[in-house]
Amino acid sequence: MYLDVRFEPDTLIVALEDGRTLSVPLAWFPRLVHGSLEERAHWRFIDDGTDVHWPDLHEDISIQGLLEGKPSAEHEESVQTWIVGRWAG
């Protein structure tokens, strides 16, 4: 279902095979916000192209969630633990 993924400074943009383009605030996905440009660029399609996976950031985003306008459901405490762990390791 996905065709391409790219970023603008504050936006995640996903192009779909059917011609639609979805743009959502990058702030919806804290792991992407805290990822480097290189980490954001390292993504792949999973689940037959219905999800995008960033292995370096341990982030998965579904097309269904984007279509429904759902931001990340990860709790702030979990994000903060992940951020601290990135710098500790």
N, C-alpha and C. Protein backbone atom coordinates (compact mmCIF):
# COMPACT_ATOMS: atom_id res chain seq x y z
N MET A 1 0.81 -1.19 0.00
CA MET A 1 0.00 0.00 0.00
C MET A 1 0.85 1.26 0.00
N TYR A 2 1.99 1.23 0.69
CA TYR A 2 2.89 2.37 0.69
C TYR A 2 3.69 2.39 -0.60
N LEU A 3 4.08 3.58 -1.00
CA LEU A 3 4.95 3.72 -2.15
C LEU A 3 6.27 4.36 -1.75
N ASP A 4 6.19 5.37 -0.87
CA ASP A 4 7.40 6.07 -0.45
C ASP A 4 7.15 6.75 0.89
N VAL A 5 8.24 6.99 1.60
CA VAL A 5 8.21 7.70 2.88
C VAL A 5 9.28 8.78 2.81
N ARG A 6 8.91 9.98 3.24
CA ARG A 6 9.90 11.06 3.30
C ARG A 6 9.53 12.01 4.42
N PHE A 7 10.42 12.92 4.69
CA PHE A 7 10.23 13.86 5.77
C PHE A 7 10.46 15.28 5.29
N GLU A 8 9.70 16.20 5.85
CA GLU A 8 9.99 17.62 5.80
C GLU A 8 10.32 17.97 7.23
N PRO A 9 10.80 19.17 7.50
CA PRO A 9 11.27 19.45 8.86
C PRO A 9 10.34 19.01 9.99
N ASP A 10 9.05 19.24 9.89
CA ASP A 10 8.12 18.90 10.97
C ASP A 10 7.02 17.95 10.52
N THR A 11 7.25 17.25 9.41
CA THR A 11 6.17 16.46 8.82
C THR A 11 6.67 15.11 8.32
N LEU A 12 5.86 14.07 8.56
CA LEU A 12 6.06 12.76 7.97
C LEU A 12 5.12 12.69 6.77
N ILE A 13 5.65 12.34 5.62
CA ILE A 13 4.86 12.27 4.39
C ILE A 13 4.95 10.86 3.83
N VAL A 14 3.80 10.27 3.59
CA VAL A 14 3.74 8.92 3.07
C VAL A 14 2.93 8.93 1.78
N ALA A 15 3.55 8.47 0.70
CA ALA A 15 2.86 8.35 -0.59
C ALA A 15 2.32 6.94 -0.70
N LEU A 16 1.06 6.82 -1.09
CA LEU A 16 0.39 5.54 -1.22
C LEU A 16 0.32 5.14 -2.69
N GLU A 17 0.25 3.85 -2.93
CA GLU A 17 0.19 3.33 -4.30
C GLU A 17 -1.04 3.82 -5.06
N ASP A 18 -2.12 4.16 -4.35
CA ASP A 18 -3.35 4.60 -5.02
C ASP A 18 -3.34 6.08 -5.38
N GLY A 19 -2.20 6.75 -5.17
CA GLY A 19 -2.08 8.15 -5.55
C GLY A 19 -2.27 9.14 -4.42
N ARG A 20 -2.77 8.69 -3.29
CA ARG A 20 -2.93 9.60 -2.16
C ARG A 20 -1.58 9.85 -1.48
N THR A 21 -1.48 11.02 -0.85
CA THR A 21 -0.32 11.37 -0.05
C THR A 21 -0.82 11.78 1.33
N LEU A 22 -0.27 11.17 2.35
CA LEU A 22 -0.64 11.50 3.73
C LEU A 22 0.47 12.32 4.36
N SER A 23 0.10 13.41 4.98
CA SER A 23 1.05 14.26 5.71
C SER A 23 0.56 14.38 7.14
N VAL A 24 1.43 14.02 8.07
CA VAL A 24 1.06 14.11 9.48
C VAL A 24 2.19 14.80 10.24
N PRO A 25 1.86 15.43 11.36
CA PRO A 25 2.90 16.07 12.15
C PRO A 25 3.93 15.05 12.65
N LEU A 26 5.17 15.37 12.49
CA LEU A 26 6.23 14.50 12.99
C LEU A 26 6.12 14.34 14.50
N ALA A 27 5.61 15.35 15.17
CA ALA A 27 5.45 15.32 16.62
C ALA A 27 4.54 14.18 17.08
N TRP A 28 3.74 13.62 16.18
CA TRP A 28 2.90 12.49 16.54
C TRP A 28 3.71 11.25 16.87
N PHE A 29 4.97 11.21 16.44
CA PHE A 29 5.80 10.02 16.59
C PHE A 29 7.13 10.41 17.24
N PRO A 30 7.16 10.44 18.59
CA PRO A 30 8.34 10.93 19.31
C PRO A 30 9.65 10.23 18.94
N ARG A 31 9.60 8.94 18.65
CA ARG A 31 10.85 8.25 18.29
C ARG A 31 11.41 8.80 16.97
N LEU A 32 10.54 9.15 16.05
CA LEU A 32 11.02 9.76 14.81
C LEU A 32 11.55 11.16 15.08
N VAL A 33 10.89 11.90 15.95
CA VAL A 33 11.36 13.25 16.30
C VAL A 33 12.78 13.19 16.84
N HIS A 34 13.04 12.21 17.69
CA HIS A 34 14.35 12.09 18.34
C HIS A 34 15.37 11.34 17.50
N GLY A 35 14.95 10.82 16.37
CA GLY A 35 15.88 10.11 15.49
C GLY A 35 16.69 11.06 14.63
N SER A 36 17.87 10.63 14.27
CA SER A 36 18.72 11.42 13.36
C SER A 36 18.17 11.30 11.93
N LEU A 37 18.66 12.14 11.06
CA LEU A 37 18.27 12.07 9.66
C LEU A 37 18.60 10.70 9.08
N GLU A 38 19.75 10.15 9.47
CA GLU A 38 20.16 8.85 8.98
C GLU A 38 19.24 7.75 9.50
N GLU A 39 18.87 7.84 10.77
CA GLU A 39 17.97 6.83 11.34
C GLU A 39 16.58 6.91 10.68
N ARG A 40 16.11 8.10 10.43
CA ARG A 40 14.81 8.26 9.77
C ARG A 40 14.85 7.73 8.34
N ALA A 41 15.98 7.88 7.69
CA ALA A 41 16.12 7.43 6.30
C ALA A 41 16.21 5.91 6.18
N HIS A 42 16.50 5.25 7.29
CA HIS A 42 16.66 3.78 7.31
C HIS A 42 15.33 3.14 7.70
N TRP A 43 14.46 2.96 6.74
CA TRP A 43 13.15 2.37 6.98
C TRP A 43 12.90 1.29 5.94
N ARG A 44 11.88 0.48 6.21
CA ARG A 44 11.48 -0.55 5.25
C ARG A 44 10.01 -0.85 5.46
N PHE A 45 9.39 -1.39 4.41
CA PHE A 45 8.01 -1.82 4.50
C PHE A 45 7.95 -3.19 5.16
N ILE A 46 6.94 -3.40 5.98
CA ILE A 46 6.71 -4.71 6.59
C ILE A 46 5.22 -5.05 6.46
N ASP A 47 4.87 -6.26 6.82
CA ASP A 47 3.48 -6.72 6.79
C ASP A 47 2.83 -6.48 5.43
N ASP A 48 3.48 -6.97 4.39
CA ASP A 48 2.97 -6.84 3.01
C ASP A 48 2.75 -5.39 2.59
N GLY A 49 3.57 -4.49 3.13
CA GLY A 49 3.50 -3.09 2.73
C GLY A 49 2.45 -2.26 3.44
N THR A 50 1.87 -2.79 4.50
CA THR A 50 0.85 -2.03 5.23
C THR A 50 1.42 -1.28 6.43
N ASP A 51 2.68 -1.53 6.75
CA ASP A 51 3.35 -0.85 7.86
C ASP A 51 4.74 -0.41 7.41
N VAL A 52 5.25 0.61 8.10
CA VAL A 52 6.63 1.05 7.88
C VAL A 52 7.39 0.81 9.18
N HIS A 53 8.60 0.29 9.05
CA HIS A 53 9.42 -0.05 10.21
C HIS A 53 10.75 0.70 10.14
N TRP A 54 11.13 1.33 11.25
CA TRP A 54 12.43 1.97 11.40
C TRP A 54 13.21 1.14 12.41
N PRO A 55 14.10 0.25 11.95
CA PRO A 55 14.79 -0.65 12.87
C PRO A 55 15.68 0.06 13.89
N ASP A 56 16.30 1.15 13.50
CA ASP A 56 17.19 1.86 14.41
C ASP A 56 16.43 2.58 15.52
N LEU A 57 15.16 2.88 15.27
CA LEU A 57 14.35 3.63 16.23
C LEU A 57 13.29 2.77 16.91
N HIS A 58 13.20 1.51 16.52
CA HIS A 58 12.19 0.59 17.09
C HIS A 58 10.80 1.20 16.95
N GLU A 59 10.50 1.69 15.75
CA GLU A 59 9.21 2.33 15.48
C GLU A 59 8.53 1.64 14.31
N ASP A 60 7.25 1.35 14.47
CA ASP A 60 6.40 0.81 13.41
C ASP A 60 5.18 1.71 13.30
N ILE A 61 4.84 2.06 12.07
CA ILE A 61 3.66 2.89 11.83
C ILE A 61 2.81 2.20 10.78
N SER A 62 1.52 2.10 11.06
CA SER A 62 0.60 1.44 10.12
C SER A 62 -0.11 2.46 9.25
N ILE A 63 -0.39 2.05 8.04
CA ILE A 63 -1.15 2.90 7.14
C ILE A 63 -2.54 3.14 7.70
N GLN A 64 -3.13 2.12 8.31
CA GLN A 64 -4.47 2.27 8.88
C GLN A 64 -4.48 3.36 9.95
N GLY A 65 -3.47 3.35 10.81
CA GLY A 65 -3.38 4.39 11.84
C GLY A 65 -3.24 5.78 11.25
N LEU A 66 -2.44 5.90 10.21
CA LEU A 66 -2.29 7.20 9.56
C LEU A 66 -3.60 7.65 8.93
N LEU A 67 -4.28 6.74 8.26
CA LEU A 67 -5.56 7.08 7.64
C LEU A 67 -6.61 7.49 8.68
N GLU A 68 -6.52 6.92 9.85
CA GLU A 68 -7.45 7.25 10.92
C GLU A 68 -7.01 8.47 11.73
N GLY A 69 -5.85 9.02 11.40
CA GLY A 69 -5.36 10.20 12.10
C GLY A 69 -4.91 9.93 13.52
N LYS A 70 -4.37 8.73 13.75
CA LYS A 70 -3.96 8.34 15.09
C LYS A 70 -2.46 8.58 15.29
N PRO A 71 -2.10 9.40 16.26
CA PRO A 71 -0.69 9.54 16.61
C PRO A 71 -0.20 8.32 17.39
N SER A 72 1.07 8.28 17.67
CA SER A 72 1.64 7.20 18.46
C SER A 72 0.89 7.05 19.78
N ALA A 73 0.65 5.83 20.17
CA ALA A 73 -0.03 5.56 21.44
C ALA A 73 0.98 5.28 22.56
N GLU A 74 2.26 5.42 22.25
CA GLU A 74 3.29 5.14 23.25
C GLU A 74 3.24 6.18 24.36
N HIS A 75 3.31 5.72 25.59
CA HIS A 75 3.28 6.62 26.74
C HIS A 75 4.57 7.41 26.84
N GLU A 76 4.46 8.63 27.33
CA GLU A 76 5.62 9.52 27.47
C GLU A 76 6.72 8.88 28.31
N GLU A 77 6.34 8.17 29.35
CA GLU A 77 7.34 7.51 30.21
C GLU A 77 8.16 6.50 29.40
N SER A 78 7.51 5.76 28.54
CA SER A 78 8.20 4.79 27.69
C SER A 78 9.16 5.49 26.74
N VAL A 79 8.72 6.58 26.16
CA VAL A 79 9.57 7.35 25.24
C VAL A 79 10.79 7.87 25.99
N GLN A 80 10.59 8.42 27.18
CA GLN A 80 11.71 8.95 27.96
C GLN A 80 12.70 7.86 28.35
N THR A 81 12.20 6.69 28.70
CA THR A 81 13.09 5.56 29.02
C THR A 81 13.90 5.18 27.79
N TRP A 82 13.26 5.15 26.64
CA TRP A 82 13.95 4.84 25.38
C TRP A 82 15.03 5.89 25.08
N ILE A 83 14.72 7.16 25.26
CA ILE A 83 15.69 8.23 24.99
C ILE A 83 16.90 8.08 25.90
N VAL A 84 16.68 7.86 27.18
CA VAL A 84 17.79 7.69 28.12
C VAL A 84 18.63 6.47 27.72
N GLY A 85 17.98 5.39 27.33
CA GLY A 85 18.69 4.19 26.93
C GLY A 85 19.53 4.40 25.67
N ARG A 86 19.07 5.26 24.78
CA ARG A 86 19.85 5.55 23.55
C ARG A 86 21.18 6.18 23.92
N TRP A 87 21.18 7.05 24.89
CA TRP A 87 22.42 7.76 25.24
C TRP A 87 23.29 6.93 26.18
N ALA A 88 22.69 5.99 26.90
CA ALA A 88 23.47 5.16 27.81
C ALA A 88 24.24 4.08 27.09
N GLY A 89 23.72 3.64 25.93
CA GLY A 89 24.33 2.52 25.23
C GLY A 89 25.17 2.99 24.14
